[in-house]
Protein backbone atom coordinates (compact mmCIF):
# COMPACT_ATOMS: atom_id res chain seq x y z
CA MET A 1 125.28 32.00 -13.59
CA GLY A 2 122.77 34.26 -11.88
CA GLU A 3 121.95 36.04 -15.12
CA ALA A 4 121.58 32.73 -17.02
CA SER A 5 119.33 31.40 -14.28
CA LEU A 6 117.19 34.52 -14.46
CA MET A 7 116.85 34.19 -18.23
CA GLY A 8 115.88 30.55 -17.86
CA ASN A 9 113.23 31.40 -15.30
CA SER A 10 111.86 34.10 -17.62
CA ARG A 11 111.50 31.58 -20.44
CA TRP A 12 109.59 29.22 -18.19
CA LEU A 13 107.34 32.02 -16.97
CA TRP A 14 106.66 33.01 -20.59
CA ARG A 15 105.81 29.43 -21.54
CA ILE A 16 103.48 29.08 -18.56
CA ALA A 17 101.74 32.35 -19.51
CA ILE A 18 101.22 31.06 -23.09
CA LEU A 19 99.82 27.78 -21.81
CA LEU A 20 97.44 29.60 -19.47
CA LEU A 21 96.30 31.88 -22.29
CA ALA A 22 95.77 28.92 -24.61
CA GLY A 23 93.77 27.16 -21.91
CA ALA A 24 91.60 30.22 -21.44
CA VAL A 25 90.95 30.43 -25.19
CA PHE A 26 89.99 26.75 -25.45
CA TRP A 27 87.76 27.08 -22.39
CA GLY A 28 86.03 30.09 -23.92
CA VAL A 29 85.47 28.35 -27.25
CA GLY A 30 84.19 25.24 -25.53
CA LYS A 31 81.79 27.31 -23.46
CA ALA A 32 80.53 29.15 -26.52
CA VAL A 33 79.85 26.11 -28.70
CA GLY A 34 79.66 23.27 -26.20
CA PRO A 35 76.58 21.37 -25.04
CA SER A 36 75.82 23.90 -22.28
CA SER A 37 75.31 26.58 -24.95
CA GLY A 38 72.82 24.92 -27.25
CA ASP A 39 74.27 21.78 -28.81
CA THR A 40 72.31 19.42 -26.57
CA GLU A 41 69.03 21.19 -27.27
CA PHE A 42 69.72 21.42 -31.00
CA ARG A 43 70.41 17.68 -31.17
CA LYS A 44 67.11 17.00 -29.40
CA ALA A 45 65.38 19.25 -31.93
CA GLN A 46 67.03 17.41 -34.82
CA GLU A 47 65.80 14.06 -33.48
CA SER A 48 62.30 15.44 -32.83
CA ILE A 49 62.06 16.76 -36.40
CA LYS A 50 62.68 13.23 -37.69
CA GLN A 51 59.38 12.18 -36.07
CA VAL A 52 57.33 14.96 -37.67
CA LYS A 53 54.69 13.78 -40.15
CA SER A 54 52.77 17.02 -40.69
CA PHE A 55 53.07 20.73 -39.88
CA ARG A 56 52.45 24.26 -41.15
CA GLY A 57 55.06 26.92 -41.81
CA ALA A 58 55.03 30.64 -42.57
CA TYR A 59 57.67 33.15 -43.62
CA SER A 60 57.62 36.92 -44.05
CA ALA A 61 60.24 39.54 -44.89
CA GLY A 62 60.07 43.21 -45.73
CA GLU A 63 57.40 45.83 -45.10
CA SER A 64 53.93 46.17 -46.56
CA GLY A 65 54.59 49.77 -47.63
CA ALA A 66 57.67 48.81 -49.63
CA GLY A 67 58.62 45.30 -50.66
CA LEU A 68 57.01 42.30 -48.98
CA SER A 69 57.66 38.61 -49.42
CA GLU A 70 55.40 36.02 -47.79
CA ARG A 71 55.37 32.22 -47.91
CA LEU A 72 52.96 29.68 -46.46
CA TRP A 73 53.35 25.92 -46.61
CA GLU A 74 51.46 22.87 -45.40
CA VAL A 75 53.13 19.48 -45.19
CA ASP A 76 51.46 16.12 -44.62
CA CYS A 77 53.79 13.19 -45.14
CA ASN A 78 51.08 10.71 -44.17
CA GLN A 79 49.33 11.71 -47.41
CA VAL A 80 52.61 12.67 -49.16
CA ILE A 81 51.19 16.11 -50.03
CA ILE A 82 52.83 19.52 -49.76
CA ARG A 83 51.19 22.82 -50.66
CA GLN A 84 53.16 26.06 -50.86
CA HIS A 85 51.83 29.59 -51.44
CA SER A 86 53.99 32.61 -52.25
CA ASP A 87 53.02 36.29 -52.40
CA ASP A 88 55.63 38.85 -53.46
CA SER A 89 54.97 42.56 -53.89
CA GLN A 90 57.02 45.67 -54.61
CA ASN A 91 55.39 49.06 -54.07
CA ASN A 92 58.24 51.56 -53.82
CA THR A 93 59.26 51.47 -57.49
CA GLU A 94 58.00 53.15 -60.65
CA SER A 95 56.39 49.86 -61.66
CA PRO A 96 54.72 48.30 -58.59
CA PHE A 97 53.83 44.65 -58.91
CA GLN A 98 52.35 41.74 -57.01
CA MET A 99 52.93 38.09 -57.87
CA LYS A 100 51.09 35.18 -56.30
CA GLU A 101 51.72 31.51 -56.94
CA ASP A 102 50.56 28.19 -55.52
CA GLU A 103 52.45 24.94 -55.81
CA LEU A 104 50.97 21.55 -54.96
CA LEU A 105 53.14 18.45 -54.70
CA VAL A 106 51.31 15.12 -54.62
CA GLY A 107 53.55 12.08 -54.39
CA GLU A 108 55.84 12.60 -57.37
CA ARG A 109 53.56 14.99 -59.24
CA ARG A 110 53.49 18.79 -59.29
CA TYR A 111 50.74 21.31 -59.99
CA ILE A 112 51.09 25.09 -60.15
CA ARG A 113 48.63 27.97 -60.19
CA ALA A 114 49.37 31.66 -60.83
CA GLY A 115 47.10 34.09 -58.99
CA ASN A 116 43.53 32.82 -59.06
CA GLY A 117 44.00 30.94 -62.32
CA PRO A 118 43.47 27.22 -62.89
CA TRP A 119 45.80 24.51 -61.68
CA GLU A 120 48.25 23.28 -64.30
CA ASN A 121 49.97 19.92 -64.32
CA ASN A 122 53.71 20.56 -64.28
CA GLU A 123 54.95 17.06 -63.50
CA TYR A 124 57.74 17.09 -66.07
CA ALA A 125 59.41 20.13 -64.48
CA LEU A 126 59.95 18.44 -61.13
CA ALA A 127 63.12 19.00 -59.14
CA ARG A 128 61.91 18.17 -55.63
CA THR A 129 58.85 16.01 -55.07
CA ALA A 130 56.71 15.56 -51.98
CA LYS A 131 58.33 12.15 -51.58
CA TRP A 132 61.75 13.81 -51.66
CA TYR A 133 60.81 16.34 -48.98
CA CYS A 134 59.21 13.74 -46.69
CA ALA A 135 62.18 11.39 -46.99
CA ARG A 136 64.61 14.14 -46.01
CA ILE A 137 62.47 15.27 -43.08
CA ALA A 138 62.51 11.69 -41.78
CA GLU A 139 66.32 11.70 -42.13
CA GLY A 140 66.65 15.01 -40.32
CA THR A 141 68.40 16.65 -43.26
CA ALA A 142 67.84 20.11 -44.72
CA THR A 143 64.74 20.81 -46.83
CA GLY A 144 64.14 24.55 -46.46
CA LEU A 145 60.76 23.79 -44.87
CA LEU A 146 62.13 23.45 -41.32
CA PRO A 147 65.23 24.90 -39.66
CA ASP A 148 68.48 23.22 -40.68
CA MET A 149 69.60 21.92 -37.31
CA SER A 150 72.67 20.18 -38.76
CA THR A 151 74.10 23.49 -39.97
CA LEU A 152 73.31 25.17 -36.66
CA LEU A 153 75.07 22.36 -34.82
CA SER A 154 78.12 22.58 -37.06
CA HIS A 155 78.55 26.33 -37.47
CA ALA A 156 76.55 28.30 -34.89
CA ILE A 157 77.77 29.98 -31.72
CA THR A 158 74.75 30.12 -29.42
CA GLU A 159 73.49 32.13 -26.50
CA LYS A 160 70.61 31.07 -24.27
CA ARG A 161 67.88 33.67 -23.85
CA ASP A 162 64.54 33.79 -22.01
CA LYS A 163 61.61 31.45 -22.46
CA LYS A 164 58.54 32.79 -24.23
CA THR A 165 55.22 31.67 -25.70
CA VAL A 166 54.74 31.33 -29.48
CA ASN A 167 51.25 30.45 -30.75
CA GLY A 168 50.34 29.08 -27.34
CA VAL A 169 53.47 26.92 -27.00
CA ARG A 170 56.14 27.57 -24.38
CA CYS A 171 59.59 27.59 -25.97
CA GLN A 172 63.21 28.37 -25.12
CA GLU A 173 64.84 31.03 -27.28
CA TRP A 174 68.43 30.76 -28.47
CA LYS A 175 70.34 33.51 -30.25
CA PHE A 176 72.94 32.29 -32.70
CA ASP A 177 75.79 33.55 -34.82
CA LEU A 178 75.98 31.26 -37.86
CA ARG A 179 79.58 31.41 -39.07
CA THR A 180 81.04 29.83 -42.17
CA ALA A 181 84.27 30.43 -44.07
CA VAL A 182 82.66 33.20 -46.14
CA SER A 183 79.91 34.74 -44.01
CA SER A 184 78.41 35.38 -40.60
CA ARG A 185 74.63 35.49 -40.09
CA LEU A 186 72.81 36.44 -36.90
CA GLY A 187 69.50 34.88 -35.94
CA ALA A 188 67.39 33.33 -33.21
CA ILE A 189 65.35 30.17 -32.81
CA CYS A 190 62.73 29.20 -30.22
CA ILE A 191 62.50 25.49 -29.42
CA GLY A 192 59.56 23.90 -27.59
CA VAL A 193 60.26 23.20 -23.92
CA ASP A 194 58.32 19.93 -23.95
CA ASP A 195 58.56 18.58 -27.50
CA HIS A 196 61.91 20.13 -28.59
CA LEU A 197 60.45 21.26 -31.92
CA PRO A 198 61.12 24.67 -33.50
CA TYR A 199 58.27 27.18 -33.33
CA GLU A 200 59.90 30.44 -34.40
CA MET A 201 63.09 31.53 -36.16
CA THR A 202 64.51 34.83 -37.38
CA LEU A 203 67.32 34.91 -39.94
CA ASP A 204 68.55 37.44 -42.52
CA GLY A 205 65.66 39.80 -41.81
CA GLY A 206 63.07 37.08 -42.33
CA HIS A 207 60.67 35.71 -39.73
CA TYR A 208 59.58 32.05 -39.66
CA PHE A 209 56.75 30.41 -37.70
CA TYR A 210 55.97 26.68 -37.39
CA SER A 211 52.80 25.12 -35.99
CA ASP A 212 50.33 22.20 -36.01
CA TYR A 213 52.93 19.48 -35.68
CA ASN A 214 51.54 15.99 -36.38
CA GLN A 215 48.01 17.33 -36.79
CA PRO A 216 45.79 16.25 -39.73
CA ILE A 217 45.72 18.70 -42.64
CA GLN A 218 42.92 18.97 -45.17
CA PHE A 219 43.76 19.82 -48.77
CA GLU A 220 41.57 20.93 -51.65
CA LEU A 221 43.09 19.01 -54.54
CA PRO A 222 42.62 19.89 -58.22
CA GLU A 223 40.61 17.43 -60.27
CA ALA A 224 43.73 16.27 -62.11
CA ALA A 225 45.33 15.19 -58.84
CA LEU A 226 42.42 12.87 -58.11
CA GLN A 227 42.98 10.88 -61.30
CA PRO A 228 45.43 7.97 -61.55
CA ALA A 229 48.85 9.19 -62.66
CA SER A 230 49.83 8.43 -66.24
CA SER A 231 53.58 8.48 -65.62
CA SER A 232 55.40 5.30 -64.69
CA ALA A 233 56.83 7.01 -61.61
CA ASP A 234 53.36 7.15 -60.04
CA ARG A 235 51.93 3.80 -61.09
CA THR A 236 52.64 2.20 -57.73
CA GLU A 237 51.63 5.24 -55.68
CA PRO A 238 48.16 5.43 -54.10
CA VAL A 239 46.28 8.57 -55.10
CA PRO A 240 45.18 10.69 -52.08
CA GLU A 241 41.50 11.43 -51.82
CA ALA A 242 40.11 14.92 -51.41
CA ARG A 243 38.88 15.82 -47.95
């Protein structure tokens, strides 16, 4: 009986140890991904992004002495206009090259310009219009123009870092490990202390900056964009005026 009692006690001690270990694991996971580690702030950022009507963004990756990729974009959903500029160069190959391109989205129309050439109407090659981008920003869903807060909320393990100043704005930095079933990506995002909007993000070796939220943006529109649209999709859309 003594031996049986001892074995029974051992089983109970083993079960208690497993329960304690499981509790510690769940506590650790909850601490890593719970509201105290970024979820609350990321939800505030997602809601703040829904109120954004205009902003500027910039992206850079690589080094000027080798390969460099740069992007600039200006978004004004009050005018339903988005302008994007790309500059890609490769200098460490036998055939160095540089490619520049501008894209202008006006309502449901699209214009492109290579280098310093003329603007060309490319409305029949549209995949994503300015209206599409602005609608998704208002919904708080991913566009590629602002950080995808939904994905960060769903898949990122976060770590709170120090506050810093980016382009004159005080923001709270968060490091994150973005984990999906097939990959893990490290990055960081800095969210405004007062307005809860993103001002800086690093991801996959690229560096993003965001500025001029809800400030008026002036665009130099090509002559074709100032004319009434001929397509049926634009017949009910007001044509923005040049500023």
